Structures are given as structure tokens and as C-alpha cells.
């Protein structure tokens, strides 16, 4: 089992910045992928960014140039969010996954980000 704890959400004005953090604990595989998703009310959960333990990144077009994902090690992942917009308001979730015979996913509890206009 893997537990994920996110922090760093909150209320910010449009144009502002926030940095989300996620720490994984438990049975961590050193080779893994961690990332960030978000879900706004009435919408599906969407991928924002992922980063492998080797440093390869992937971003959604909607956040390229504004959000940056980074990692310290196999257990932590960050999301630096700049130039925030009201439409970025959502619950943000940390994700950890490994692929053995199948993809094994773990999710954090989510942290609320609210951007006021």
C-alpha cells in the first residue's frame, strides 16, 4: 500500500501562484510515476502533469507554460502553479502509479484550489 498526502492548496487571486506538494509513504517502488490531476465541480478528473522517477515529464496543453512539475526523489512531487485563472479552481489530486502486470494507481485525498477573479 502507498499513502499520498497533499498540501499547499488554498485561495488565491487571479494571476497569483501556488505550490502544491505531495509526499508518498508506504511500499514505494523507486521506479514510478507521480503526477497531478484536478477535478472541478460537474467535470471529469483531468490530467495536468506527470513526472517519472527518471525525470521525464508530460503536461496537459491547458497548463503548459503556467504549471511546472518537479520531484525531489521517489517519494515527493510538486506542482508550481503560476498565472492562475478562475477556471483553475478545482480539487487537485496527487497520483502515484507503477506498472507491473497492470497499472497500479494510488490517489491522495485532494486539496482544494480556489482562484478568485
C-alpha atoms as a PDB file:
ATOM      1  CA  UNK A   1       0.000   0.000   0.000  1.00  0.00           C
ATOM      2  CA  UNK A   2       1.019   3.579  -0.686  1.00  0.00           C
ATOM      3  CA  UNK A   3      -0.342   6.649   1.077  1.00  0.00           C
ATOM      4  CA  UNK A   4      -0.249  10.096  -0.516  1.00  0.00           C
ATOM      5  CA  UNK A   5      -0.620  13.345   1.399  1.00  0.00           C
ATOM      6  CA  UNK A   6      -1.078  16.613  -0.481  1.00  0.00           C
ATOM      7  CA  UNK A   7      -0.626  20.114   0.852  1.00  0.00           C
ATOM      8  CA  UNK A   8      -0.420  23.665  -0.430  1.00  0.00           C
ATOM      9  CA  UNK A   9      -3.915  24.338  -1.705  1.00  0.00           C
ATOM     10  CA  UNK A  10      -5.865  27.439  -0.802  1.00  0.00           C
ATOM     11  CA  UNK A  11      -7.445  30.643  -2.017  1.00  0.00           C
ATOM     12  CA  UNK A  12      -5.538  32.905  -4.378  1.00  0.00           C
ATOM     13  CA  UNK A  13      -6.404  35.819  -6.627  1.00  0.00           C
ATOM     14  CA  UNK A  14      -6.275  35.507 -10.378  1.00  0.00           C
ATOM     15  CA  UNK A  15      -2.723  35.938 -11.626  1.00  0.00           C
ATOM     16  CA  UNK A  16      -1.291  34.575  -8.402  1.00  0.00           C
ATOM     17  CA  UNK A  17       0.726  31.455  -7.678  1.00  0.00           C
ATOM     18  CA  UNK A  18       0.508  28.373  -5.509  1.00  0.00           C
ATOM     19  CA  UNK A  19       2.798  25.422  -4.959  1.00  0.00           C
ATOM     20  CA  UNK A  20       1.314  22.028  -4.222  1.00  0.00           C
ATOM     21  CA  UNK A  21       3.296  19.287  -2.523  1.00  0.00           C
ATOM     22  CA  UNK A  22       2.665  15.565  -2.264  1.00  0.00           C
ATOM     23  CA  UNK A  23       4.537  13.068  -0.150  1.00  0.00           C
ATOM     24  CA  UNK A  24       4.211   9.332  -0.646  1.00  0.00           C
ATOM     25  CA  UNK A  25       4.818   6.765   2.069  1.00  0.00           C
ATOM     26  CA  UNK A  26       4.493   3.044   2.438  1.00  0.00           C
ATOM     27  CA  UNK A  27       5.648   0.426  -0.026  1.00  0.00           C
ATOM     28  CA  UNK A  28       7.337   2.757  -2.522  1.00  0.00           C
ATOM     29  CA  UNK A  29       8.881   1.436  -5.701  1.00  0.00           C
ATOM     30  CA  UNK A  30      11.870   3.536  -6.743  1.00  0.00           C
ATOM     31  CA  UNK A  31      10.811   3.371 -10.392  1.00  0.00           C
ATOM     32  CA  UNK A  32       7.451   5.077 -10.518  1.00  0.00           C
ATOM     33  CA  UNK A  33       5.469   7.929 -11.956  1.00  0.00           C
ATOM     34  CA  UNK A  34       3.864  10.645  -9.893  1.00  0.00           C
ATOM     35  CA  UNK A  35       1.596  13.360 -11.111  1.00  0.00           C
ATOM     36  CA  UNK A  36      -1.220  15.785 -10.588  1.00  0.00           C
ATOM     37  CA  UNK A  37      -4.838  15.730 -11.686  1.00  0.00           C
ATOM     38  CA  UNK A  38      -7.743  18.007 -10.914  1.00  0.00           C
ATOM     39  CA  UNK A  39     -11.498  17.798 -10.830  1.00  0.00           C
ATOM     40  CA  UNK A  40     -13.812  20.777 -11.000  1.00  0.00           C
ATOM     41  CA  UNK A  41     -17.472  20.523  -9.946  1.00  0.00           C
ATOM     42  CA  UNK A  42     -19.521  18.733 -12.570  1.00  0.00           C
ATOM     43  CA  UNK A  43     -16.461  17.814 -14.622  1.00  0.00           C
ATOM     44  CA  UNK A  44     -14.331  14.722 -15.077  1.00  0.00           C
ATOM     45  CA  UNK A  45     -10.969  14.387 -13.428  1.00  0.00           C
ATOM     46  CA  UNK A  46      -8.291  15.617 -15.811  1.00  0.00           C
ATOM     47  CA  UNK A  47      -4.582  15.005 -16.087  1.00  0.00           C
ATOM     48  CA  UNK A  48      -2.367  18.045 -15.513  1.00  0.00           C
ATOM     49  CA  UNK A  49       1.181  16.769 -15.385  1.00  0.00           C
ATOM     50  CA  UNK A  50       3.218  13.666 -14.662  1.00  0.00           C
ATOM     51  CA  UNK A  51       6.855  13.008 -13.979  1.00  0.00           C
ATOM     52  CA  UNK A  52       8.662   9.693 -13.917  1.00  0.00           C
ATOM     53  CA  UNK A  53      11.318   8.861 -11.359  1.00  0.00           C
ATOM     54  CA  UNK A  54      13.858   9.276 -14.173  1.00  0.00           C
ATOM     55  CA  UNK A  55      12.675  12.847 -14.820  1.00  0.00           C
ATOM     56  CA  UNK A  56      10.523  12.527 -17.915  1.00  0.00           C
ATOM     57  CA  UNK A  57       7.575  14.933 -17.858  1.00  0.00           C
ATOM     58  CA  UNK A  58       4.221  15.169 -19.569  1.00  0.00           C
ATOM     59  CA  UNK A  59       1.862  18.153 -19.439  1.00  0.00           C
ATOM     60  CA  UNK A  60      -1.692  18.836 -20.468  1.00  0.00           C
ATOM     61  CA  UNK A  61      -1.923  21.569 -23.092  1.00  0.00           C
ATOM     62  CA  UNK A  62      -4.135  23.612 -20.763  1.00  0.00           C
ATOM     63  CA  UNK A  63      -1.313  24.125 -18.258  1.00  0.00           C
ATOM     64  CA  UNK A  64       1.825  24.152 -20.384  1.00  0.00           C
ATOM     65  CA  UNK A  65       3.858  27.258 -19.678  1.00  0.00           C
ATOM     66  CA  UNK A  66       1.977  28.008 -16.440  1.00  0.00           C
ATOM     67  CA  UNK A  67       2.421  24.880 -14.311  1.00  0.00           C
ATOM     68  CA  UNK A  68       5.686  23.084 -13.572  1.00  0.00           C
ATOM     69  CA  UNK A  69       6.017  19.648 -12.065  1.00  0.00           C
ATOM     70  CA  UNK A  70       9.119  18.652 -10.150  1.00  0.00           C
ATOM     71  CA  UNK A  71      10.371  15.942  -7.816  1.00  0.00           C
ATOM     72  CA  UNK A  72      12.983  15.659  -5.114  1.00  0.00           C
ATOM     73  CA  UNK A  73      13.098  11.892  -5.030  1.00  0.00           C
ATOM     74  CA  UNK A  74      10.942   8.825  -5.451  1.00  0.00           C
ATOM     75  CA  UNK A  75       8.569   9.932  -2.688  1.00  0.00           C
ATOM     76  CA  UNK A  76       7.754  13.563  -3.420  1.00  0.00           C
ATOM     77  CA  UNK A  77       6.243  15.601  -6.207  1.00  0.00           C
ATOM     78  CA  UNK A  78       5.455  19.281  -6.505  1.00  0.00           C
ATOM     79  CA  UNK A  79       3.301  21.384  -8.768  1.00  0.00           C
ATOM     80  CA  UNK A  80       4.219  25.033  -9.137  1.00  0.00           C
ATOM     81  CA  UNK A  81       1.212  26.886 -10.494  1.00  0.00           C
ATOM     82  CA  UNK A  82       1.662  30.399 -11.870  1.00  0.00           C
ATOM     83  CA  UNK A  83      -0.673  32.842 -13.606  1.00  0.00           C
ATOM     84  CA  UNK A  84      -3.656  31.145 -12.036  1.00  0.00           C
ATOM     85  CA  UNK A  85      -7.086  31.695 -13.546  1.00  0.00           C
ATOM     86  CA  UNK A  86     -10.573  31.303 -12.056  1.00  0.00           C
ATOM     87  CA  UNK A  87     -11.060  28.266 -14.291  1.00  0.00           C
ATOM     88  CA  UNK A  88      -8.197  26.571 -12.451  1.00  0.00           C
ATOM     89  CA  UNK A  89     -10.489  26.277  -9.433  1.00  0.00           C
ATOM     90  CA  UNK A  90     -10.805  22.588  -8.598  1.00  0.00           C
ATOM     91  CA  UNK A  91      -9.789  19.863  -6.214  1.00  0.00           C
ATOM     92  CA  UNK A  92      -6.237  18.829  -7.053  1.00  0.00           C
ATOM     93  CA  UNK A  93      -5.178  15.224  -6.603  1.00  0.00           C
ATOM     94  CA  UNK A  94      -1.765  13.646  -6.368  1.00  0.00           C
ATOM     95  CA  UNK A  95      -1.309  10.353  -8.170  1.00  0.00           C
ATOM     96  CA  UNK A  96       1.329   7.638  -7.882  1.00  0.00           C
ATOM     97  CA  UNK A  97       1.469   4.685 -10.203  1.00  0.00           C
ATOM     98  CA  UNK A  98       3.650   1.776 -11.133  1.00  0.00           C
ATOM     99  CA  UNK A  99       3.245  -0.762 -13.887  1.00  0.00           C
ATOM    100  CA  UNK A 100       3.844  -4.403 -13.116  1.00  0.00           C
ATOM    101  CA  UNK A 101       1.498  -6.807 -14.876  1.00  0.00           C
ATOM    102  CA  UNK A 102      -1.013  -3.969 -14.798  1.00  0.00           C
ATOM    103  CA  UNK A 103      -1.096  -0.333 -13.762  1.00  0.00           C
ATOM    104  CA  UNK A 104      -1.398   0.106 -10.009  1.00  0.00           C
ATOM    105  CA  UNK A 105      -2.736   3.520  -9.010  1.00  0.00           C
ATOM    106  CA  UNK A 106      -2.842   5.357  -5.728  1.00  0.00           C
ATOM    107  CA  UNK A 107      -4.515   8.697  -5.053  1.00  0.00           C
ATOM    108  CA  UNK A 108      -4.252  11.377  -2.433  1.00  0.00           C
ATOM    109  CA  UNK A 109      -7.274  12.816  -0.673  1.00  0.00           C
ATOM    110  CA  UNK A 110      -7.196  16.000  -2.719  1.00  0.00           C
ATOM    111  CA  UNK A 111      -6.540  19.624  -1.903  1.00  0.00           C
ATOM    112  CA  UNK A 112      -8.834  22.495  -2.844  1.00  0.00           C
ATOM    113  CA  UNK A 113      -7.525  25.315  -5.018  1.00  0.00           C
ATOM    114  CA  UNK A 114      -9.788  28.320  -5.430  1.00  0.00           C
ATOM    115  CA  UNK A 115      -8.868  31.208  -7.716  1.00  0.00           C
ATOM    116  CA  UNK A 116     -10.893  34.365  -7.301  1.00  0.00           C
ATOM    117  CA  UNK A 117     -11.409  36.870 -10.083  1.00  0.00           C
END
